Amino acid sequence: MLYVIENFPVNPLLLEKVSSGDTIIFADNAVYSIIKDNNTFKLMQSTLKHLNLCVRKADLLIRNISLNDIFQGITVLNDFDFIQDEIQETAVRSWN
């Protein structure tokens, strides 16, 4: 399943609903949750290893966040990738 999270801070209860192999795209203000200085994400990082974590490149650029500022292992999507992911997934859940 594909999850799109747009709010910051991310509610940890939302992440309890994801299954191994699911994809989470951090969009809009949720990109702040994957910055290396975010202690909450540091705590959740080991729990999230079984997921595909992504962020939209446009959201990083708009907020002046460098690729060096985010955690390793997060896939950066251009807008075409983002649209393709939404098309290919049979089930999408968006939390805004």
PDB file of N, CA and C in Angstrom:
ATOM      1  N   MET A   1       0.848  -1.168   0.000  1.00  0.00           N
ATOM      2  CA  MET A   1       0.000   0.000   0.000  1.00  0.00           C
ATOM      3  C   MET A   1       0.894   1.230   0.000  1.00  0.00           C
ATOM      4  N   LEU A   2       0.431   2.272  -0.630  1.00  0.00           N
ATOM      5  CA  LEU A   2       1.130   3.546  -0.683  1.00  0.00           C
ATOM      6  C   LEU A   2       0.474   4.505   0.288  1.00  0.00           C
ATOM      7  N   TYR A   3       1.260   5.103   1.157  1.00  0.00           N
ATOM      8  CA  TYR A   3       0.779   6.093   2.108  1.00  0.00           C
ATOM      9  C   TYR A   3       1.419   7.428   1.772  1.00  0.00           C
ATOM     10  N   VAL A   4       0.634   8.478   1.752  1.00  0.00           N
ATOM     11  CA  VAL A   4       1.145   9.825   1.546  1.00  0.00           C
ATOM     12  C   VAL A   4       0.859  10.605   2.817  1.00  0.00           C
ATOM     13  N   ILE A   5       1.922  11.048   3.469  1.00  0.00           N
ATOM     14  CA  ILE A   5       1.783  11.801   4.718  1.00  0.00           C
ATOM     15  C   ILE A   5       2.191  13.237   4.434  1.00  0.00           C
ATOM     16  N   GLU A   6       1.323  14.185   4.806  1.00  0.00           N
ATOM     17  CA  GLU A   6       1.573  15.584   4.492  1.00  0.00           C
ATOM     18  C   GLU A   6       1.738  16.473   5.714  1.00  0.00           C
ATOM     19  N   ASN A   7       1.386  16.006   6.891  1.00  0.00           N
ATOM     20  CA  ASN A   7       1.428  16.851   8.087  1.00  0.00           C
ATOM     21  C   ASN A   7       2.684  16.632   8.909  1.00  0.00           C
ATOM     22  N   PHE A   8       3.104  17.686   9.587  1.00  0.00           N
ATOM     23  CA  PHE A   8       4.215  17.616  10.524  1.00  0.00           C
ATOM     24  C   PHE A   8       3.746  18.255  11.817  1.00  0.00           C
ATOM     25  N   PRO A   9       4.017  17.616  12.942  1.00  0.00           N
ATOM     26  CA  PRO A   9       4.733  16.353  13.105  1.00  0.00           C
ATOM     27  C   PRO A   9       3.861  15.165  12.694  1.00  0.00           C
ATOM     28  N   VAL A  10       4.544  14.091  12.325  1.00  0.00           N
ATOM     29  CA  VAL A  10       3.857  12.869  11.917  1.00  0.00           C
ATOM     30  C   VAL A  10       3.370  12.149  13.174  1.00  0.00           C
ATOM     31  N   ASN A  11       2.123  11.785  13.184  1.00  0.00           N
ATOM     32  CA  ASN A  11       1.540  11.060  14.306  1.00  0.00           C
ATOM     33  C   ASN A  11       2.048   9.614  14.272  1.00  0.00           C
ATOM     34  N   PRO A  12       2.801   9.164  15.293  1.00  0.00           N
ATOM     35  CA  PRO A  12       3.317   7.792  15.306  1.00  0.00           C
ATOM     36  C   PRO A  12       2.234   6.724  15.211  1.00  0.00           C
ATOM     37  N   LEU A  13       1.018   7.037  15.635  1.00  0.00           N
ATOM     38  CA  LEU A  13      -0.072   6.063  15.540  1.00  0.00           C
ATOM     39  C   LEU A  13      -0.395   5.736  14.083  1.00  0.00           C
ATOM     40  N   LEU A  14      -0.182   6.684  13.182  1.00  0.00           N
ATOM     41  CA  LEU A  14      -0.421   6.428  11.764  1.00  0.00           C
ATOM     42  C   LEU A  14       0.547   5.376  11.236  1.00  0.00           C
ATOM     43  N   LEU A  15       1.781   5.412  11.728  1.00  0.00           N
ATOM     44  CA  LEU A  15       2.805   4.502  11.235  1.00  0.00           C
ATOM     45  C   LEU A  15       2.606   3.078  11.731  1.00  0.00           C
ATOM     46  N   GLU A  16       1.790   2.908  12.764  1.00  0.00           N
ATOM     47  CA  GLU A  16       1.506   1.560  13.257  1.00  0.00           C
ATOM     48  C   GLU A  16       0.632   0.773  12.277  1.00  0.00           C
ATOM     49  N   LYS A  17      -0.013   1.464  11.351  1.00  0.00           N
ATOM     50  CA  LYS A  17      -0.933   0.816  10.413  1.00  0.00           C
ATOM     51  C   LYS A  17      -0.237   0.280   9.173  1.00  0.00           C
ATOM     52  N   VAL A  18       1.038   0.622   8.982  1.00  0.00           N
ATOM     53  CA  VAL A  18       1.725   0.196   7.767  1.00  0.00           C
ATOM     54  C   VAL A  18       2.273  -1.215   7.925  1.00  0.00           C
ATOM     55  N   SER A  19       2.417  -1.906   6.789  1.00  0.00           N
ATOM     56  CA  SER A  19       2.914  -3.275   6.779  1.00  0.00           C
ATOM     57  C   SER A  19       4.258  -3.330   6.072  1.00  0.00           C
ATOM     58  N   SER A  20       4.987  -4.399   6.285  1.00  0.00           N
ATOM     59  CA  SER A  20       6.274  -4.597   5.647  1.00  0.00           C
ATOM     60  C   SER A  20       6.140  -4.485   4.129  1.00  0.00           C
ATOM     61  N   GLY A  21       7.024  -3.705   3.510  1.00  0.00           N
ATOM     62  CA  GLY A  21       7.004  -3.531   2.071  1.00  0.00           C
ATOM     63  C   GLY A  21       6.163  -2.366   1.590  1.00  0.00           C
ATOM     64  N   ASP A  22       5.379  -1.755   2.476  1.00  0.00           N
ATOM     65  CA  ASP A  22       4.578  -0.597   2.090  1.00  0.00           C
ATOM     66  C   ASP A  22       5.488   0.586   1.781  1.00  0.00           C
ATOM     67  N   THR A  23       4.948   1.559   1.080  1.00  0.00           N
ATOM     68  CA  THR A  23       5.690   2.764   0.724  1.00  0.00           C
ATOM     69  C   THR A  23       5.050   3.962   1.408  1.00  0.00           C
ATOM     70  N   ILE A  24       5.900   4.804   2.005  1.00  0.00           N
ATOM     71  CA  ILE A  24       5.444   6.051   2.599  1.00  0.00           C
ATOM     72  C   ILE A  24       6.125   7.185   1.852  1.00  0.00           C
ATOM     73  N   ILE A  25       5.319   8.113   1.356  1.00  0.00           N
ATOM     74  CA  ILE A  25       5.858   9.326   0.738  1.00  0.00           C
ATOM     75  C   ILE A  25       5.596  10.479   1.695  1.00  0.00           C
ATOM     76  N   PHE A  26       6.679  11.113   2.136  1.00  0.00           N
ATOM     77  CA  PHE A  26       6.580  12.298   2.984  1.00  0.00           C
ATOM     78  C   PHE A  26       6.465  13.502   2.060  1.00  0.00           C
ATOM     79  N   ALA A  27       5.311  14.180   2.077  1.00  0.00           N
ATOM     80  CA  ALA A  27       5.053  15.312   1.193  1.00  0.00           C
ATOM     81  C   ALA A  27       4.743  16.550   2.028  1.00  0.00           C
ATOM     82  N   ASP A  28       4.733  17.686   1.361  1.00  0.00           N
ATOM     83  CA  ASP A  28       4.427  18.968   1.989  1.00  0.00           C
ATOM     84  C   ASP A  28       5.240  19.144   3.271  1.00  0.00           C
ATOM     85  N   ASN A  29       4.606  19.506   4.383  1.00  0.00           N
ATOM     86  CA  ASN A  29       5.345  19.769   5.626  1.00  0.00           C
ATOM     87  C   ASN A  29       5.887  18.510   6.300  1.00  0.00           C
ATOM     88  N   ALA A  30       5.438  17.349   5.890  1.00  0.00           N
ATOM     89  CA  ALA A  30       5.943  16.101   6.483  1.00  0.00           C
ATOM     90  C   ALA A  30       7.424  15.898   6.183  1.00  0.00           C
ATOM     91  N   VAL A  31       7.970  16.630   5.196  1.00  0.00           N
ATOM     92  CA  VAL A  31       9.405  16.487   4.895  1.00  0.00           C
ATOM     93  C   VAL A  31      10.262  16.902   6.087  1.00  0.00           C
ATOM     94  N   TYR A  32       9.738  17.748   6.950  1.00  0.00           N
ATOM     95  CA  TYR A  32      10.499  18.144   8.137  1.00  0.00           C
ATOM     96  C   TYR A  32      10.754  16.958   9.068  1.00  0.00           C
ATOM     97  N   SER A  33       9.952  15.927   8.966  1.00  0.00           N
ATOM     98  CA  SER A  33      10.113  14.769   9.845  1.00  0.00           C
ATOM     99  C   SER A  33      11.298  13.894   9.453  1.00  0.00           C
ATOM    100  N   ILE A  34      11.836  14.056   8.246  1.00  0.00           N
ATOM    101  CA  ILE A  34      12.954  13.206   7.821  1.00  0.00           C
ATOM    102  C   ILE A  34      14.292  13.936   7.835  1.00  0.00           C
ATOM    103  N   ILE A  35      14.318  15.112   8.456  1.00  0.00           N
ATOM    104  CA  ILE A  35      15.573  15.848   8.614  1.00  0.00           C
ATOM    105  C   ILE A  35      16.377  15.190   9.730  1.00  0.00           C
ATOM    106  N   LYS A  36      17.670  15.094   9.529  1.00  0.00           N
ATOM    107  CA  LYS A  36      18.550  14.392  10.468  1.00  0.00           C
ATOM    108  C   LYS A  36      18.439  14.910  11.898  1.00  0.00           C
ATOM    109  N   ASP A  37      18.088  16.163  12.076  1.00  0.00           N
ATOM    110  CA  ASP A  37      17.990  16.734  13.426  1.00  0.00           C
ATOM    111  C   ASP A  37      16.710  16.362  14.156  1.00  0.00           C
ATOM    112  N   ASN A  38      15.805  15.676  13.490  1.00  0.00           N
ATOM    113  CA  ASN A  38      14.524  15.321  14.088  1.00  0.00           C
ATOM    114  C   ASN A  38      14.696  14.081  14.974  1.00  0.00           C
ATOM    115  N   ASN A  39      14.654  14.279  16.284  1.00  0.00           N
ATOM    116  CA  ASN A  39      14.874  13.180  17.229  1.00  0.00           C
ATOM    117  C   ASN A  39      13.781  12.123  17.170  1.00  0.00           C
ATOM    118  N   THR A  40      12.557  12.518  16.877  1.00  0.00           N
ATOM    119  CA  THR A  40      11.466  11.550  16.788  1.00  0.00           C
ATOM    120  C   THR A  40      11.730  10.555  15.667  1.00  0.00           C
ATOM    121  N   PHE A  41      12.180  11.051  14.514  1.00  0.00           N
ATOM    122  CA  PHE A  41      12.445  10.154  13.398  1.00  0.00           C
ATOM    123  C   PHE A  41      13.629   9.245  13.719  1.00  0.00           C
ATOM    124  N   LYS A  42      14.599   9.741  14.444  1.00  0.00           N
ATOM    125  CA  LYS A  42      15.737   8.901  14.838  1.00  0.00           C
ATOM    126  C   LYS A  42      15.252   7.699  15.636  1.00  0.00           C
ATOM    127  N   LEU A  43      14.301   7.927  16.503  1.00  0.00           N
ATOM    128  CA  LEU A  43      13.766   6.829  17.315  1.00  0.00           C
ATOM    129  C   LEU A  43      12.967   5.849  16.471  1.00  0.00           C
ATOM    130  N   MET A  44      12.260   6.353  15.463  1.00  0.00           N
ATOM    131  CA  MET A  44      11.416   5.497  14.638  1.00  0.00           C
ATOM    132  C   MET A  44      12.186   4.826  13.505  1.00  0.00           C
ATOM    133  N   GLN A  45      13.395   5.305  13.202  1.00  0.00           N
ATOM    134  CA  GLN A  45      14.109   4.854  12.018  1.00  0.00           C
ATOM    135  C   GLN A  45      14.322   3.340  11.982  1.00  0.00           C
ATOM    136  N   SER A  46      14.681   2.744  13.106  1.00  0.00           N
ATOM    137  CA  SER A  46      14.890   1.295  13.114  1.00  0.00           C
ATOM    138  C   SER A  46      13.581   0.544  12.879  1.00  0.00           C
ATOM    139  N   THR A  47      12.481   1.112  13.338  1.00  0.00           N
ATOM    140  CA  THR A  47      11.177   0.493  13.130  1.00  0.00           C
ATOM    141  C   THR A  47      10.744   0.578  11.674  1.00  0.00           C
ATOM    142  N   LEU A  48      11.199   1.606  10.971  1.00  0.00           N
ATOM    143  CA  LEU A  48      10.742   1.855   9.610  1.00  0.00           C
ATOM    144  C   LEU A  48      11.626   1.212   8.544  1.00  0.00           C
ATOM    145  N   LYS A  49      12.620   0.425   8.920  1.00  0.00           N
ATOM    146  CA  LYS A  49      13.544  -0.158   7.953  1.00  0.00           C
ATOM    147  C   LYS A  49      12.862  -1.087   6.959  1.00  0.00           C
ATOM    148  N   HIS A  50      11.745  -1.665   7.323  1.00  0.00           N
ATOM    149  CA  HIS A  50      11.050  -2.606   6.440  1.00  0.00           C
ATOM    150  C   HIS A  50      10.127  -1.901   5.437  1.00  0.00           C
ATOM    151  N   LEU A  51      10.167  -0.568   5.411  1.00  0.00           N
ATOM    152  CA  LEU A  51       9.302   0.210   4.528  1.00  0.00           C
ATOM    153  C   LEU A  51      10.110   0.929   3.456  1.00  0.00           C
ATOM    154  N   ASN A  52       9.455   1.300   2.387  1.00  0.00           N
ATOM    155  CA  ASN A  52      10.057   2.126   1.351  1.00  0.00           C
ATOM    156  C   ASN A  52       9.717   3.579   1.678  1.00  0.00           C
ATOM    157  N   LEU A  53      10.715   4.342   2.073  1.00  0.00           N
ATOM    158  CA  LEU A  53      10.490   5.729   2.463  1.00  0.00           C
ATOM    159  C   LEU A  53      10.902   6.653   1.330  1.00  0.00           C
ATOM    160  N   CYS A  54      10.024   7.590   1.000  1.00  0.00           N
ATOM    161  CA  CYS A  54      10.269   8.488  -0.125  1.00  0.00           C
ATOM    162  C   CYS A  54       9.914   9.920   0.266  1.00  0.00           C
ATOM    163  N   VAL A  55      10.451  10.848  -0.517  1.00  0.00           N
ATOM    164  CA  VAL A  55      10.136  12.259  -0.360  1.00  0.00           C
ATOM    165  C   VAL A  55      10.113  12.880  -1.752  1.00  0.00           C
ATOM    166  N   ARG A  56       9.256  13.859  -1.956  1.00  0.00           N
ATOM    167  CA  ARG A  56       9.208  14.564  -3.232  1.00  0.00           C
ATOM    168  C   ARG A  56      10.311  15.604  -3.278  1.00  0.00           C
ATOM    169  N   LYS A  57      11.073  15.610  -4.353  1.00  0.00           N
ATOM    170  CA  LYS A  57      12.166  16.559  -4.518  1.00  0.00           C
ATOM    171  C   LYS A  57      11.648  17.997  -4.466  1.00  0.00           C
ATOM    172  N   ALA A  58      10.495  18.248  -5.064  1.00  0.00           N
ATOM    173  CA  ALA A  58       9.920  19.593  -5.077  1.00  0.00           C
ATOM    174  C   ALA A  58       9.661  20.098  -3.657  1.00  0.00           C
ATOM    175  N   ASP A  59       9.200  19.201  -2.776  1.00  0.00           N
ATOM    176  CA  ASP A  59       8.932  19.611  -1.393  1.00  0.00           C
ATOM    177  C   ASP A  59      10.220  19.986  -0.662  1.00  0.00           C
ATOM    178  N   LEU A  60      11.313  19.282  -0.961  1.00  0.00           N
ATOM    179  CA  LEU A  60      12.607  19.629  -0.369  1.00  0.00           C
ATOM    180  C   LEU A  60      13.082  20.986  -0.890  1.00  0.00           C
ATOM    181  N   LEU A  61      12.983  21.198  -2.196  1.00  0.00           N
ATOM    182  CA  LEU A  61      13.449  22.444  -2.800  1.00  0.00           C
ATOM    183  C   LEU A  61      12.668  23.650  -2.286  1.00  0.00           C
ATOM    184  N   ILE A  62      11.354  23.517  -2.189  1.00  0.00           N
ATOM    185  CA  ILE A  62      10.516  24.627  -1.711  1.00  0.00           C
ATOM    186  C   ILE A  62      10.896  25.029  -0.294  1.00  0.00           C
ATOM    187  N   ARG A  63      11.292  24.060   0.515  1.00  0.00           N
ATOM    188  CA  ARG A  63      11.625  24.330   1.916  1.00  0.00           C
ATOM    189  C   ARG A  63      13.134  24.504   2.136  1.00  0.00           C
ATOM    190  N   ASN A  64      13.885  24.573   1.031  1.00  0.00           N
ATOM    191  CA  ASN A  64      15.336  24.785   1.081  1.00  0.00           C
ATOM    192  C   ASN A  64      16.035  23.729   1.942  1.00  0.00           C
ATOM    193  N   ILE A  65      15.628  22.471   1.768  1.00  0.00           N
ATOM    194  CA  ILE A  65      16.231  21.354   2.488  1.00  0.00           C
ATOM    195  C   ILE A  65      17.149  20.609   1.529  1.00  0.00           C
ATOM    196  N   SER A  66      18.384  20.474   1.919  1.00  0.00           N
ATOM    197  CA  SER A  66      19.382  19.799   1.090  1.00  0.00           C
ATOM    198  C   SER A  66      19.257  18.287   1.241  1.00  0.00           C
ATOM    199  N   LEU A  67      19.715  17.555   0.219  1.00  0.00           N
ATOM    200  CA  LEU A  67      19.732  16.090   0.309  1.00  0.00           C
ATOM    201  C   LEU A  67      20.636  15.629   1.448  1.00  0.00           C
ATOM    202  N   ASN A  68      21.642  16.431   1.790  1.00  0.00           N
ATOM    203  CA  ASN A  68      22.538  16.094   2.896  1.00  0.00           C
ATOM    204  C   ASN A  68      21.851  16.244   4.251  1.00  0.00           C
ATOM    205  N   ASP A  69      20.732  16.960   4.286  1.00  0.00           N
ATOM    206  CA  ASP A  69      20.018  17.202   5.541  1.00  0.00           C
ATOM    207  C   ASP A  69      19.054  16.088   5.917  1.00  0.00           C
ATOM    208  N   ILE A  70      18.757  15.181   4.978  1.00  0.00           N
ATOM    209  CA  ILE A  70      17.779  14.134   5.270  1.00  0.00           C
ATOM    210  C   ILE A  70      18.500  12.813   5.566  1.00  0.00           C
ATOM    211  N   PHE A  71      17.783  11.911   6.198  1.00  0.00           N
ATOM    212  CA  PHE A  71      18.338  10.613   6.554  1.00  0.00           C
ATOM    213  C   PHE A  71      18.682   9.801   5.312  1.00  0.00           C
ATOM    214  N   GLN A  72      19.677   8.964   5.427  1.00  0.00           N
ATOM    215  CA  GLN A  72      20.042   8.066   4.329  1.00  0.00           C
ATOM    216  C   GLN A  72      18.963   7.001   4.170  1.00  0.00           C
ATOM    217  N   GLY A  73      18.856   6.480   2.957  1.00  0.00           N
ATOM    218  CA  GLY A  73      17.900   5.410   2.702  1.00  0.00           C
ATOM    219  C   GLY A  73      16.531   5.899   2.285  1.00  0.00           C
ATOM    220  N   ILE A  74      16.377   7.211   2.129  1.00  0.00           N
ATOM    221  CA  ILE A  74      15.105   7.770   1.702  1.00  0.00           C
ATOM    222  C   ILE A  74      15.206   8.107   0.213  1.00  0.00           C
ATOM    223  N   THR A  75      14.286   7.585  -0.571  1.00  0.00           N
ATOM    224  CA  THR A  75      14.292   7.805  -2.011  1.00  0.00           C
ATOM    225  C   THR A  75      13.701   9.174  -2.327  1.00  0.00           C
ATOM    226  N   VAL A  76      14.412   9.932  -3.152  1.00  0.00           N
ATOM    227  CA  VAL A  76      13.935  11.248  -3.569  1.00  0.00           C
ATOM    228  C   VAL A  76      13.245  11.095  -4.921  1.00  0.00           C
ATOM    229  N   LEU A  77      11.979  11.475  -4.979  1.00  0.00           N
ATOM    230  CA  LEU A  77      11.163  11.335  -6.185  1.00  0.00           C
ATOM    231  C   LEU A  77      11.014  12.666  -6.896  1.00  0.00           C
ATOM    232  N   ASN A  78      11.169  12.651  -8.224  1.00  0.00           N
ATOM    233  CA  ASN A  78      10.770  13.847  -8.967  1.00  0.00           C
ATOM    234  C   ASN A  78       9.266  13.747  -9.182  1.00  0.00           C
ATOM    235  N   ASP A  79       8.651  14.767  -9.738  1.00  0.00           N
ATOM    236  CA  ASP A  79       7.189  14.762  -9.861  1.00  0.00           C
ATOM    237  C   ASP A  79       6.683  13.622 -10.731  1.00  0.00           C
ATOM    238  N   PHE A  80       7.425  13.241 -11.763  1.00  0.00           N
ATOM    239  CA  PHE A  80       7.011  12.126 -12.606  1.00  0.00           C
ATOM    240  C   PHE A  80       6.989  10.822 -11.809  1.00  0.00           C
ATOM    241  N   ASP A  81       8.020  10.584 -10.980  1.00  0.00           N
ATOM    242  CA  ASP A  81       8.050   9.381 -10.147  1.00  0.00           C
ATOM    243  C   ASP A  81       6.863   9.340  -9.199  1.00  0.00           C
ATOM    244  N   PHE A  82       6.540  10.487  -8.624  1.00  0.00           N
ATOM    245  CA  PHE A  82       5.437  10.576  -7.665  1.00  0.00           C
ATOM    246  C   PHE A  82       4.119  10.177  -8.337  1.00  0.00           C
ATOM    247  N   ILE A  83       3.885  10.692  -9.527  1.00  0.00           N
ATOM    248  CA  ILE A  83       2.655  10.363 -10.255  1.00  0.00           C
ATOM    249  C   ILE A  83       2.628   8.883 -10.628  1.00  0.00           C
ATOM    250  N   GLN A  84       3.760   8.342 -11.071  1.00  0.00           N
ATOM    251  CA  GLN A  84       3.830   6.933 -11.444  1.00  0.00           C
ATOM    252  C   GLN A  84       3.564   6.031 -10.241  1.00  0.00           C
ATOM    253  N   ASP A  85       4.100   6.389  -9.075  1.00  0.00           N
ATOM    254  CA  ASP A  85       3.856   5.588  -7.870  1.00  0.00           C
ATOM    255  C   ASP A  85       2.374   5.555  -7.531  1.00  0.00           C
ATOM    256  N   GLU A  86       1.709   6.696  -7.660  1.00  0.00           N
ATOM    257  CA  GLU A  86       0.282   6.746  -7.356  1.00  0.00           C
ATOM    258  C   GLU A  86      -0.521   5.915  -8.352  1.00  0.00           C
ATOM    259  N   ILE A  87      -0.110   5.911  -9.605  1.00  0.00           N
ATOM    260  CA  ILE A  87      -0.829   5.149 -10.627  1.00  0.00           C
ATOM    261  C   ILE A  87      -0.645   3.647 -10.420  1.00  0.00           C
ATOM    262  N   GLN A  88       0.565   3.223 -10.067  1.00  0.00           N
ATOM    263  CA  GLN A  88       0.882   1.801  -9.979  1.00  0.00           C
ATOM    264  C   GLN A  88       0.309   1.134  -8.743  1.00  0.00           C
ATOM    265  N   GLU A  89       0.114   1.866  -7.669  1.00  0.00           N
ATOM    266  CA  GLU A  89      -0.389   1.266  -6.443  1.00  0.00           C
ATOM    267  C   GLU A  89      -1.887   1.024  -6.538  1.00  0.00           C
ATOM    268  N   THR A  90      -2.305  -0.131  -6.081  1.00  0.00           N
ATOM    269  CA  THR A  90      -3.732  -0.451  -6.099  1.00  0.00           C
ATOM    270  C   THR A  90      -4.473   0.223  -4.951  1.00  0.00           C
ATOM    271  N   ALA A  91      -3.744   0.501  -3.879  1.00  0.00           N
ATOM    272  CA  ALA A  91      -4.389   1.149  -2.729  1.00  0.00           C
ATOM    273  C   ALA A  91      -3.507   2.289  -2.237  1.00  0.00           C
ATOM    274  N   VAL A  92      -4.110   3.456  -2.072  1.00  0.00           N
ATOM    275  CA  VAL A  92      -3.388   4.624  -1.618  1.00  0.00           C
ATOM    276  C   VAL A  92      -4.151   5.222  -0.444  1.00  0.00           C
ATOM    277  N   ARG A  93      -3.431   5.554   0.609  1.00  0.00           N
ATOM    278  CA  ARG A  93      -4.032   6.232   1.753  1.00  0.00           C
ATOM    279  C   ARG A  93      -3.272   7.526   1.950  1.00  0.00           C
ATOM    280  N   SER A  94      -3.986   8.614   2.061  1.00  0.00           N
ATOM    281  CA  SER A  94      -3.365   9.925   2.253  1.00  0.00           C
ATOM    282  C   SER A  94      -3.797  10.478   3.597  1.00  0.00           C
ATOM    283  N   TRP A  95      -2.814  10.904   4.368  1.00  0.00           N
ATOM    284  CA  TRP A  95      -3.104  11.547   5.645  1.00  0.00           C
ATOM    285  C   TRP A  95      -2.692  12.999   5.550  1.00  0.00           C
ATOM    286  N   ASN A  96      -3.664  13.907   5.513  1.00  0.00           N
ATOM    287  CA  ASN A  96      -3.328  15.324   5.449  1.00  0.00           C
ATOM    288  C   ASN A  96      -3.913  16.031   6.643  1.00  0.00           C
TER     289      ASN A  96
END
